[in-house]
Structures are given as structure tokens and as C-alpha cells.
Amino acid sequence: MTAIPHHAEEATPQGSASGSSFYAAMRILPQAQREAMFLIYQFCRQVDDIADSTAPRAERLAELAQWRKDIDALYAGAPPAKLTGYVESVKRFGMRKEDFLAIIDGMEMDVPQDIRAPDMATLDLYCDRVASAVGRLSVRVFGLPEDDGIALAHHLGRALQLSNILRDIDEDASIGRLYLPREVLLEAGITSTDPLAVAAHPSIPQACAPLVDKAQAYFVAADEIMARHPRRIVRAPRIMSKYYHAILDLVIARGFALPREPVKLGKAAKIGILLRYAII
């Protein structure tokens, strides 16, 4: 699944797909699929750049509104110059306008004000828009049947996004964001919604535990879906799943108590996953 989370692993907003888990997973695809996936990636990076920029909020909202108009124009048969390259892939793979727009909506959730301790329903909506919607575009490119494709996008997109949220607590707090939902914070006895205060709270391990369980359950559900389909169809989403599950395992092994060292999947582990699921 090519969910492009709010901080794509090893692909900074200023960087490129090259060297990222996304790039490694997508380069194994046939040319038409690979090109379509990089177009999806390119779109996600551009709107994510807007959401994460330091430009005034009104300016960022205006830029995202323009992207909505551009997507509308693409599907109306009059794409702007920056989207002319999308026409063939959108038609070939049946990518849906509503999923592109959902991604923009998700990016916009970070713009009017920084997300801080959303309720669980809002967090799930955020995950659906910024991750599972990317998956819904992607499964059409991979060629999965409709029902299982949508289900895989649902489960794997959320698994990847929750893994990123659990990994990036400190990085998010440093820019004023807090994605841990208020229900788990209150259950752990954390009443603050200040990102830095929550990140330093001694009860944060208890707050993270329910999200770990959710992410693990989503990975299991995604694996069950992928197991029903030929390996060639699910190679790319399976590689993404294994990368991010490995990251979650590292986060769990490190723990959530301070001090928290940054977690990164090593090159050898990535190569091992790629060899196992792309080649062998």
C-alpha cells in the first residue's frame, strides 16, 4: 500500500521517492503500474508539502483549494499543465476523483489549526483521508478486485498511518501537533493537549498501548486479504506492510517512556524484506 503518511519514511517533503520504502516497493512493478504509482506519490508529496509548509495558513488553504479545482478540471477533460501526465493513468486504472479529493481534505485537516488530541472518530477520518484514500487509488493500479481492494486500503492505510503516529510523537510535538486521540490520553490520566507536555508525560506508554493494538489488528486484517491473492498482485503492498510492521516492532521494542531514541529501519532489514517479498 502506498499510503503517504504525514511524514513519509525517509522521504522528506523536500526530498524525493528515491531511497524510500515507497520507491523500493514500487520499482518492482511493470512500467505502466510503476508510472501510475509515482504519479500518485507525486500528487501526495505536493499537497503534503503545502500542509506542512511554514506559509501563512490562509495561503496554504488557498493552495489546497486550487488543487481541488485542478483535480476537478482533470476529470472534466481539461487538465492543467501540471496534471496532463495523469490523464492516461487515471483512465487506464480507473482512479477515482473522490479519492484524490479525500487526500486533499486530509491534508487540509492540519492547516486551519494544528491537530491536537482529536477524538477517535476524527483521527480515524484523518487516517482514512491521508492514508486509506491513497490506498484506494493504489489498489486499482495493482489490479485487486474491488471489494478486497477497498478493504485492503482501509486496513493497511490505517496500519501504516498509526505506525507513523506512534513513531513520530516527538517530531510531531516539535511542530505543535498531537495525533494521539483524547480518549486514550484521558484513559491514561493525561488531561493536557499540549503536544510537548503530552510527549513528556510519564503515562504516555499507557496512552499509546491502545493504538499499538489497533495498528497490529489492522496489519493482521491486511495480511489476511493479501493472502487471498496471487503474489504478483500484492507484492508492492506486502513490501510496504512488512516495512512498516517492522518499524512498529522497533517502536514497541524501544518503548514509549523517555528518553525515546528515533526509530529507523536499517538498510539490511529493508533489503531482506525486498528480497523475500519481491524476488524469492
C-alpha atoms as a PDB file:
ATOM      1  CA  MET A   1       0.000   0.000   0.000  1.00  0.00           C
ATOM      2  CA  THR A   2       1.396   3.342  -0.907  1.00  0.00           C
ATOM      3  CA  ALA A   3      -0.042   5.399   1.859  1.00  0.00           C
ATOM      4  CA  ILE A   4       1.925   8.617   2.033  1.00  0.00           C
ATOM      5  CA  PRO A   5       1.770   9.385   5.741  1.00  0.00           C
ATOM      6  CA  HIS A   6       2.262  12.790   7.286  1.00  0.00           C
ATOM      7  CA  HIS A   7       5.996  12.066   7.466  1.00  0.00           C
ATOM      8  CA  ALA A   8       6.795   9.531   4.769  1.00  0.00           C
ATOM      9  CA  GLU A   9       9.618   7.280   5.852  1.00  0.00           C
ATOM     10  CA  GLU A  10      12.947   8.545   4.515  1.00  0.00           C
ATOM     11  CA  ALA A  11      11.138  10.776   2.028  1.00  0.00           C
ATOM     12  CA  THR A  12      11.032  14.249   3.441  1.00  0.00           C
ATOM     13  CA  PRO A  13       8.693  16.845   1.959  1.00  0.00           C
ATOM     14  CA  GLN A  14      11.749  18.379   0.340  1.00  0.00           C
ATOM     15  CA  GLY A  15      13.082  15.017  -0.830  1.00  0.00           C
ATOM     16  CA  SER A  16      12.049  12.527  -3.422  1.00  0.00           C
ATOM     17  CA  ALA A  17      10.763   8.993  -3.533  1.00  0.00           C
ATOM     18  CA  SER A  18      14.274   7.745  -4.197  1.00  0.00           C
ATOM     19  CA  GLY A  19      15.660   5.782  -1.268  1.00  0.00           C
ATOM     20  CA  SER A  20      12.325   5.482   0.498  1.00  0.00           C
ATOM     21  CA  SER A  21      10.387   2.339   1.272  1.00  0.00           C
ATOM     22  CA  PHE A  22       7.849   3.556  -1.252  1.00  0.00           C
ATOM     23  CA  TYR A  23      10.435   3.714  -4.006  1.00  0.00           C
ATOM     24  CA  ALA A  24      11.781   0.246  -3.260  1.00  0.00           C
ATOM     25  CA  ALA A  25       8.290  -1.252  -3.263  1.00  0.00           C
ATOM     26  CA  MET A  26       7.136   0.465  -6.434  1.00  0.00           C
ATOM     27  CA  ARG A  27      10.174  -0.062  -8.635  1.00  0.00           C
ATOM     28  CA  ILE A  28       9.366  -3.783  -8.889  1.00  0.00           C
ATOM     29  CA  LEU A  29       6.107  -3.055 -10.727  1.00  0.00           C
ATOM     30  CA  PRO A  30       5.604  -3.237 -14.502  1.00  0.00           C
ATOM     31  CA  GLN A  31       6.196   0.104 -16.223  1.00  0.00           C
ATOM     32  CA  ALA A  32       2.590   1.304 -16.566  1.00  0.00           C
ATOM     33  CA  GLN A  33       1.811   0.492 -12.945  1.00  0.00           C
ATOM     34  CA  ARG A  34       5.072   1.971 -11.747  1.00  0.00           C
ATOM     35  CA  GLU A  35       4.455   5.217 -13.602  1.00  0.00           C
ATOM     36  CA  ALA A  36       0.925   5.443 -12.220  1.00  0.00           C
ATOM     37  CA  MET A  37       2.144   4.876  -8.683  1.00  0.00           C
ATOM     38  CA  PHE A  38       4.785   7.578  -8.967  1.00  0.00           C
ATOM     39  CA  LEU A  39       2.132   9.980 -10.209  1.00  0.00           C
ATOM     40  CA  ILE A  40       0.092   9.199  -7.095  1.00  0.00           C
ATOM     41  CA  TYR A  41       3.206   9.684  -4.989  1.00  0.00           C
ATOM     42  CA  GLN A  42       3.984  12.979  -6.707  1.00  0.00           C
ATOM     43  CA  PHE A  43       0.477  14.279  -6.065  1.00  0.00           C
ATOM     44  CA  CYS A  44       0.622  13.270  -2.399  1.00  0.00           C
ATOM     45  CA  ARG A  45       4.008  14.860  -1.861  1.00  0.00           C
ATOM     46  CA  GLN A  46       2.905  18.140  -3.411  1.00  0.00           C
ATOM     47  CA  VAL A  47      -0.225  18.532  -1.302  1.00  0.00           C
ATOM     48  CA  ASP A  48       1.650  17.316   1.777  1.00  0.00           C
ATOM     49  CA  ASP A  49       4.309  19.950   1.149  1.00  0.00           C
ATOM     50  CA  ILE A  50       1.574  22.584   1.268  1.00  0.00           C
ATOM     51  CA  ALA A  51       0.086  21.287   4.513  1.00  0.00           C
ATOM     52  CA  ASP A  52       3.493  21.077   6.217  1.00  0.00           C
ATOM     53  CA  SER A  53       4.923  24.348   4.935  1.00  0.00           C
ATOM     54  CA  THR A  54       5.505  27.396   7.105  1.00  0.00           C
ATOM     55  CA  ALA A  55       3.485  29.663   4.800  1.00  0.00           C
ATOM     56  CA  PRO A  56       0.536  31.550   6.338  1.00  0.00           C
ATOM     57  CA  ARG A  57      -2.450  29.274   6.946  1.00  0.00           C
ATOM     58  CA  ALA A  58      -4.705  31.268   4.623  1.00  0.00           C
ATOM     59  CA  GLU A  59      -2.171  30.878   1.833  1.00  0.00           C
ATOM     60  CA  ARG A  60      -1.946  27.119   2.364  1.00  0.00           C
ATOM     61  CA  LEU A  61      -5.733  26.792   2.357  1.00  0.00           C
ATOM     62  CA  ALA A  62      -5.876  28.713  -0.922  1.00  0.00           C
ATOM     63  CA  GLU A  63      -3.264  26.442  -2.491  1.00  0.00           C
ATOM     64  CA  LEU A  64      -5.183  23.327  -1.464  1.00  0.00           C
ATOM     65  CA  ALA A  65      -8.394  24.863  -2.826  1.00  0.00           C
ATOM     66  CA  GLN A  66      -6.605  25.372  -6.140  1.00  0.00           C
ATOM     67  CA  TRP A  67      -5.606  21.710  -6.137  1.00  0.00           C
ATOM     68  CA  ARG A  68      -9.279  20.776  -5.780  1.00  0.00           C
ATOM     69  CA  LYS A  69     -10.069  22.896  -8.833  1.00  0.00           C
ATOM     70  CA  ASP A  70      -7.204  21.275 -10.727  1.00  0.00           C
ATOM     71  CA  ILE A  71      -8.464  17.764  -9.924  1.00  0.00           C
ATOM     72  CA  ASP A  72     -11.972  18.783 -10.987  1.00  0.00           C
ATOM     73  CA  ALA A  73     -10.524  20.064 -14.259  1.00  0.00           C
ATOM     74  CA  LEU A  74      -8.589  16.819 -14.786  1.00  0.00           C
ATOM     75  CA  TYR A  75     -11.761  14.782 -14.525  1.00  0.00           C
ATOM     76  CA  ALA A  76     -13.698  17.267 -16.654  1.00  0.00           C
ATOM     77  CA  GLY A  77     -11.284  16.630 -19.514  1.00  0.00           C
ATOM     78  CA  ALA A  78      -9.402  19.938 -19.261  1.00  0.00           C
ATOM     79  CA  PRO A  79      -6.407  19.187 -17.030  1.00  0.00           C
ATOM     80  CA  PRO A  80      -3.981  21.975 -16.142  1.00  0.00           C
ATOM     81  CA  ALA A  81      -0.472  21.543 -17.495  1.00  0.00           C
ATOM     82  CA  LYS A  82       0.835  20.008 -14.265  1.00  0.00           C
ATOM     83  CA  LEU A  83      -1.729  17.189 -14.497  1.00  0.00           C
ATOM     84  CA  THR A  84      -1.650  16.354 -18.212  1.00  0.00           C
ATOM     85  CA  GLY A  85       0.621  13.410 -17.440  1.00  0.00           C
ATOM     86  CA  TYR A  86      -2.096  11.938 -15.220  1.00  0.00           C
ATOM     87  CA  VAL A  87      -4.726  11.538 -17.933  1.00  0.00           C
ATOM     88  CA  GLU A  88      -3.609   8.172 -19.289  1.00  0.00           C
ATOM     89  CA  SER A  89      -3.038   6.535 -15.901  1.00  0.00           C
ATOM     90  CA  VAL A  90      -6.311   7.818 -14.459  1.00  0.00           C
ATOM     91  CA  LYS A  91      -8.174   6.340 -17.423  1.00  0.00           C
ATOM     92  CA  ARG A  92      -6.193   3.097 -17.624  1.00  0.00           C
ATOM     93  CA  PHE A  93      -6.601   2.189 -13.959  1.00  0.00           C
ATOM     94  CA  GLY A  94      -9.929   3.813 -13.173  1.00  0.00           C
ATOM     95  CA  MET A  95      -8.621   6.069 -10.433  1.00  0.00           C
ATOM     96  CA  ARG A  96     -11.457   7.978  -8.807  1.00  0.00           C
ATOM     97  CA  LYS A  97     -11.687  11.715  -8.335  1.00  0.00           C
ATOM     98  CA  GLU A  98     -13.203  11.306  -4.881  1.00  0.00           C
ATOM     99  CA  ASP A  99     -10.012   9.664  -3.609  1.00  0.00           C
ATOM    100  CA  PHE A 100      -7.759  12.479  -4.849  1.00  0.00           C
ATOM    101  CA  LEU A 101     -10.116  14.975  -3.221  1.00  0.00           C
ATOM    102  CA  ALA A 102     -10.173  12.982   0.021  1.00  0.00           C
ATOM    103  CA  ILE A 103      -6.389  13.219   0.213  1.00  0.00           C
ATOM    104  CA  ILE A 104      -6.585  16.999  -0.162  1.00  0.00           C
ATOM    105  CA  ASP A 105      -9.266  17.083   2.540  1.00  0.00           C
ATOM    106  CA  GLY A 106      -6.974  15.088   4.819  1.00  0.00           C
ATOM    107  CA  MET A 107      -4.042  17.412   4.271  1.00  0.00           C
ATOM    108  CA  GLU A 108      -6.324  20.346   4.975  1.00  0.00           C
ATOM    109  CA  MET A 109      -7.171  18.946   8.412  1.00  0.00           C
ATOM    110  CA  ASP A 110      -3.691  20.039   9.543  1.00  0.00           C
ATOM    111  CA  VAL A 111      -3.960  23.583   8.190  1.00  0.00           C
ATOM    112  CA  PRO A 112      -6.620  25.792   9.875  1.00  0.00           C
ATOM    113  CA  GLN A 113      -5.019  24.837  13.174  1.00  0.00           C
ATOM    114  CA  ASP A 114      -2.601  22.112  14.203  1.00  0.00           C
ATOM    115  CA  ILE A 115      -4.260  18.825  15.116  1.00  0.00           C
ATOM    116  CA  ARG A 116      -4.101  18.312  18.862  1.00  0.00           C
ATOM    117  CA  ALA A 117      -5.634  15.298  20.590  1.00  0.00           C
ATOM    118  CA  PRO A 118      -8.513  14.711  18.149  1.00  0.00           C
ATOM    119  CA  ASP A 119     -11.293  12.401  19.218  1.00  0.00           C
ATOM    120  CA  MET A 120     -11.006   8.842  17.948  1.00  0.00           C
ATOM    121  CA  ALA A 121     -13.542   9.363  15.161  1.00  0.00           C
ATOM    122  CA  THR A 122     -11.649  12.401  13.864  1.00  0.00           C
ATOM    123  CA  LEU A 123      -8.355  10.514  13.966  1.00  0.00           C
ATOM    124  CA  ASP A 124      -9.916   7.667  12.007  1.00  0.00           C
ATOM    125  CA  LEU A 125     -11.246  10.125   9.421  1.00  0.00           C
ATOM    126  CA  TYR A 126      -7.783  11.661   9.162  1.00  0.00           C
ATOM    127  CA  CYS A 127      -6.215   8.220   8.626  1.00  0.00           C
ATOM    128  CA  ASP A 128      -8.828   7.392   6.000  1.00  0.00           C
ATOM    129  CA  ARG A 129      -8.114  10.555   4.057  1.00  0.00           C
ATOM    130  CA  VAL A 130      -4.332  10.770   4.195  1.00  0.00           C
ATOM    131  CA  ALA A 131      -3.591   7.036   4.035  1.00  0.00           C
ATOM    132  CA  SER A 132      -6.500   4.793   3.077  1.00  0.00           C
ATOM    133  CA  ALA A 133      -7.567   7.111   0.238  1.00  0.00           C
ATOM    134  CA  VAL A 134      -4.047   6.760  -1.183  1.00  0.00           C
ATOM    135  CA  GLY A 135      -4.553   3.036  -0.865  1.00  0.00           C
ATOM    136  CA  ARG A 136      -7.846   3.180  -2.746  1.00  0.00           C
ATOM    137  CA  LEU A 137      -6.061   4.813  -5.668  1.00  0.00           C
ATOM    138  CA  SER A 138      -3.234   2.317  -5.423  1.00  0.00           C
ATOM    139  CA  VAL A 139      -5.184  -0.938  -5.308  1.00  0.00           C
ATOM    140  CA  ARG A 140      -6.756  -0.049  -8.645  1.00  0.00           C
ATOM    141  CA  VAL A 141      -3.271   0.229 -10.097  1.00  0.00           C
ATOM    142  CA  PHE A 142      -2.240  -3.077  -8.526  1.00  0.00           C
ATOM    143  CA  GLY A 143      -5.285  -4.773 -10.027  1.00  0.00           C
ATOM    144  CA  LEU A 144      -7.038  -6.080  -6.912  1.00  0.00           C
ATOM    145  CA  PRO A 145     -10.751  -6.893  -7.126  1.00  0.00           C
ATOM    146  CA  GLU A 146     -12.995  -4.043  -5.968  1.00  0.00           C
ATOM    147  CA  ASP A 147     -14.174  -5.342  -2.595  1.00  0.00           C
ATOM    148  CA  ASP A 148     -10.875  -6.739  -1.392  1.00  0.00           C
ATOM    149  CA  GLY A 149      -9.013  -3.742  -2.789  1.00  0.00           C
ATOM    150  CA  ILE A 150     -11.116  -1.283  -0.823  1.00  0.00           C
ATOM    151  CA  ALA A 151     -10.819  -3.444   2.305  1.00  0.00           C
ATOM    152  CA  LEU A 152      -7.047  -3.660   1.931  1.00  0.00           C
ATOM    153  CA  ALA A 153      -6.827   0.106   1.530  1.00  0.00           C
ATOM    154  CA  HIS A 154      -8.905   0.527   4.688  1.00  0.00           C
ATOM    155  CA  HIS A 155      -6.835  -1.767   6.895  1.00  0.00           C
ATOM    156  CA  LEU A 156      -3.334  -1.253   5.568  1.00  0.00           C
ATOM    157  CA  GLY A 157      -3.676   2.505   5.214  1.00  0.00           C
ATOM    158  CA  ARG A 158      -4.665   2.802   8.855  1.00  0.00           C
ATOM    159  CA  ALA A 159      -1.929   0.391   9.954  1.00  0.00           C
ATOM    160  CA  LEU A 160       0.728   2.487   8.216  1.00  0.00           C
ATOM    161  CA  GLN A 161      -0.620   5.788   9.497  1.00  0.00           C
ATOM    162  CA  LEU A 162      -0.932   4.650  13.109  1.00  0.00           C
ATOM    163  CA  SER A 163       2.594   3.232  12.937  1.00  0.00           C
ATOM    164  CA  ASN A 164       3.867   6.614  11.798  1.00  0.00           C
ATOM    165  CA  ILE A 165       1.938   8.439  14.500  1.00  0.00           C
ATOM    166  CA  LEU A 166       3.384   6.160  17.181  1.00  0.00           C
ATOM    167  CA  ARG A 167       6.884   6.567  15.774  1.00  0.00           C
ATOM    168  CA  ASP A 168       6.703  10.339  15.327  1.00  0.00           C
ATOM    169  CA  ILE A 169       5.291  11.555  18.652  1.00  0.00           C
ATOM    170  CA  ASP A 170       8.320  13.727  19.380  1.00  0.00           C
ATOM    171  CA  GLU A 171       8.735  15.003  15.826  1.00  0.00           C
ATOM    172  CA  ASP A 172       5.058  15.958  15.660  1.00  0.00           C
ATOM    173  CA  ALA A 173       5.193  17.617  19.085  1.00  0.00           C
ATOM    174  CA  SER A 174       8.112  19.755  17.921  1.00  0.00           C
ATOM    175  CA  ILE A 175       5.868  21.338  15.263  1.00  0.00           C
ATOM    176  CA  GLY A 176       2.852  21.691  17.544  1.00  0.00           C
ATOM    177  CA  ARG A 177       0.896  18.594  16.532  1.00  0.00           C
ATOM    178  CA  LEU A 178      -0.519  15.775  18.635  1.00  0.00           C
ATOM    179  CA  TYR A 179      -2.295  12.920  16.878  1.00  0.00           C
ATOM    180  CA  LEU A 180      -2.877  10.705  19.922  1.00  0.00           C
ATOM    181  CA  PRO A 181      -6.661  10.738  20.482  1.00  0.00           C
ATOM    182  CA  ARG A 182      -8.095  12.384  23.537  1.00  0.00           C
ATOM    183  CA  GLU A 183      -9.885   9.202  24.655  1.00  0.00           C
ATOM    184  CA  VAL A 184      -6.639   7.274  25.154  1.00  0.00           C
ATOM    185  CA  LEU A 185      -4.982  10.269  26.776  1.00  0.00           C
ATOM    186  CA  LEU A 186      -7.787  10.675  29.308  1.00  0.00           C
ATOM    187  CA  GLU A 187      -7.859   6.934  29.986  1.00  0.00           C
ATOM    188  CA  ALA A 188      -4.162   7.184  30.822  1.00  0.00           C
ATOM    189  CA  GLY A 189      -4.790  10.168  33.094  1.00  0.00           C
ATOM    190  CA  ILE A 190      -3.360  12.762  30.708  1.00  0.00           C
ATOM    191  CA  THR A 191      -5.568  15.856  30.615  1.00  0.00           C
ATOM    192  CA  SER A 192      -3.238  18.205  28.713  1.00  0.00           C
ATOM    193  CA  THR A 193      -3.489  18.631  24.951  1.00  0.00           C
ATOM    194  CA  ASP A 194      -0.190  20.492  24.690  1.00  0.00           C
ATOM    195  CA  PRO A 195       1.953  18.338  22.385  1.00  0.00           C
ATOM    196  CA  LEU A 196       5.239  18.844  24.245  1.00  0.00           C
ATOM    197  CA  ALA A 197       3.639  18.285  27.646  1.00  0.00           C
ATOM    198  CA  VAL A 198       1.947  15.093  26.468  1.00  0.00           C
ATOM    199  CA  ALA A 199       5.142  13.811  24.843  1.00  0.00           C
ATOM    200  CA  ALA A 200       6.936  14.234  28.179  1.00  0.00           C
ATOM    201  CA  HIS A 201       4.160  12.780  30.349  1.00  0.00           C
ATOM    202  CA  PRO A 202       5.144   9.641  32.282  1.00  0.00           C
ATOM    203  CA  SER A 203       1.854   7.936  31.389  1.00  0.00           C
ATOM    204  CA  ILE A 204       2.338   8.164  27.642  1.00  0.00           C
ATOM    205  CA  PRO A 205       3.153   4.426  27.349  1.00  0.00           C
ATOM    206  CA  GLN A 206      -0.357   3.637  28.621  1.00  0.00           C
ATOM    207  CA  ALA A 207      -1.854   6.109  26.157  1.00  0.00           C
ATOM    208  CA  CYS A 208      -0.008   4.545  23.223  1.00  0.00           C
ATOM    209  CA  ALA A 209      -0.910   0.943  24.062  1.00  0.00           C
ATOM    210  CA  PRO A 210      -4.437   1.029  22.547  1.00  0.00           C
ATOM    211  CA  LEU A 211      -3.090   2.488  19.290  1.00  0.00           C
ATOM    212  CA  VAL A 212      -0.440  -0.222  19.136  1.00  0.00           C
ATOM    213  CA  ASP A 213      -3.201  -2.811  19.451  1.00  0.00           C
ATOM    214  CA  LYS A 214      -5.235  -1.116  16.726  1.00  0.00           C
ATOM    215  CA  ALA A 215      -2.275  -0.957  14.356  1.00  0.00           C
ATOM    216  CA  GLN A 216      -1.452  -4.631  14.957  1.00  0.00           C
ATOM    217  CA  ALA A 217      -5.053  -5.629  14.257  1.00  0.00           C
ATOM    218  CA  TYR A 218      -5.058  -3.644  11.016  1.00  0.00           C
ATOM    219  CA  PHE A 219      -1.845  -5.349   9.887  1.00  0.00           C
ATOM    220  CA  VAL A 220      -3.372  -8.768  10.587  1.00  0.00           C
ATOM    221  CA  ALA A 221      -6.538  -7.917   8.634  1.00  0.00           C
ATOM    222  CA  ALA A 222      -4.477  -6.603   5.709  1.00  0.00           C
ATOM    223  CA  ASP A 223      -2.332  -9.746   5.672  1.00  0.00           C
ATOM    224  CA  GLU A 224      -5.452 -11.919   5.546  1.00  0.00           C
ATOM    225  CA  ILE A 225      -6.700 -10.047   2.489  1.00  0.00           C
ATOM    226  CA  MET A 226      -3.357 -10.192   0.687  1.00  0.00           C
ATOM    227  CA  ALA A 227      -3.068 -13.919   1.370  1.00  0.00           C
ATOM    228  CA  ARG A 228      -6.147 -14.492  -0.812  1.00  0.00           C
ATOM    229  CA  HIS A 229      -4.485 -13.080  -3.937  1.00  0.00           C
ATOM    230  CA  PRO A 230      -1.616 -14.054  -6.252  1.00  0.00           C
ATOM    231  CA  ARG A 231       1.779 -12.871  -5.043  1.00  0.00           C
ATOM    232  CA  ARG A 232       2.397 -10.795  -8.168  1.00  0.00           C
ATOM    233  CA  ILE A 233      -0.664  -8.642  -7.471  1.00  0.00           C
ATOM    234  CA  VAL A 234       0.142  -7.930  -3.833  1.00  0.00           C
ATOM    235  CA  ARG A 235       3.928  -7.745  -3.917  1.00  0.00           C
ATOM    236  CA  ALA A 236       4.117  -3.956  -3.588  1.00  0.00           C
ATOM    237  CA  PRO A 237       1.546  -3.535  -0.786  1.00  0.00           C
ATOM    238  CA  ARG A 238       3.027  -6.528   1.032  1.00  0.00           C
ATOM    239  CA  ILE A 239       6.500  -4.922   0.969  1.00  0.00           C
ATOM    240  CA  MET A 240       5.061  -1.695   2.357  1.00  0.00           C
ATOM    241  CA  SER A 241       3.246  -3.679   5.030  1.00  0.00           C
ATOM    242  CA  LYS A 242       6.375  -5.541   6.073  1.00  0.00           C
ATOM    243  CA  TYR A 243       8.464  -2.351   6.168  1.00  0.00           C
ATOM    244  CA  TYR A 244       6.031  -0.542   8.388  1.00  0.00           C
ATOM    245  CA  HIS A 245       5.261  -3.551  10.571  1.00  0.00           C
ATOM    246  CA  ALA A 246       8.997  -3.833  11.174  1.00  0.00           C
ATOM    247  CA  ILE A 247       9.060  -0.150  12.137  1.00  0.00           C
ATOM    248  CA  LEU A 248       6.182  -0.695  14.554  1.00  0.00           C
ATOM    249  CA  ASP A 249       8.025  -3.655  16.070  1.00  0.00           C
ATOM    250  CA  LEU A 250      11.081  -1.436  16.603  1.00  0.00           C
ATOM    251  CA  VAL A 251       8.920   1.243  18.228  1.00  0.00           C
ATOM    252  CA  ILE A 252       7.359  -1.328  20.545  1.00  0.00           C
ATOM    253  CA  ALA A 253      10.767  -2.772  21.437  1.00  0.00           C
ATOM    254  CA  ARG A 254      12.120   0.707  22.192  1.00  0.00           C
ATOM    255  CA  GLY A 255       9.097   1.607  24.268  1.00  0.00           C
ATOM    256  CA  PHE A 256       7.376   4.954  24.757  1.00  0.00           C
ATOM    257  CA  ALA A 257       8.932   6.097  28.022  1.00  0.00           C
ATOM    258  CA  LEU A 258      11.536   8.851  27.926  1.00  0.00           C
ATOM    259  CA  PRO A 259      14.166   9.026  26.610  1.00  0.00           C
ATOM    260  CA  ARG A 260      12.902   7.916  23.187  1.00  0.00           C
ATOM    261  CA  GLU A 261      15.570   7.383  20.561  1.00  0.00           C
ATOM    262  CA  PRO A 262      14.443   7.880  16.932  1.00  0.00           C
ATOM    263  CA  VAL A 263      13.447   4.645  15.222  1.00  0.00           C
ATOM    264  CA  LYS A 264      14.598   3.809  11.736  1.00  0.00           C
ATOM    265  CA  LEU A 265      14.571   0.584   9.777  1.00  0.00           C
ATOM    266  CA  GLY A 266      18.105  -0.341   8.785  1.00  0.00           C
ATOM    267  CA  LYS A 267      19.260  -0.889   5.236  1.00  0.00           C
ATOM    268  CA  ALA A 268      19.928  -4.599   5.771  1.00  0.00           C
ATOM    269  CA  ALA A 269      16.409  -5.147   7.101  1.00  0.00           C
ATOM    270  CA  LYS A 270      14.931  -3.330   4.111  1.00  0.00           C
ATOM    271  CA  ILE A 271      16.954  -5.375   1.659  1.00  0.00           C
ATOM    272  CA  GLY A 272      15.890  -8.566   3.417  1.00  0.00           C
ATOM    273  CA  ILE A 273      12.222  -7.650   3.116  1.00  0.00           C
ATOM    274  CA  LEU A 274      12.641  -6.682  -0.520  1.00  0.00           C
ATOM    275  CA  LEU A 275      14.418  -9.935  -1.364  1.00  0.00           C
ATOM    276  CA  ARG A 276      11.871 -12.056   0.445  1.00  0.00           C
ATOM    277  CA  TYR A 277       8.701 -10.496  -0.908  1.00  0.00           C
ATOM    278  CA  ALA A 278       9.750  -9.110  -4.280  1.00  0.00           C
ATOM    279  CA  ILE A 279      12.131 -11.709  -5.636  1.00  0.00           C
ATOM    280  CA  ILE A 280      12.020 -15.028  -3.786  1.00  0.00           C
END
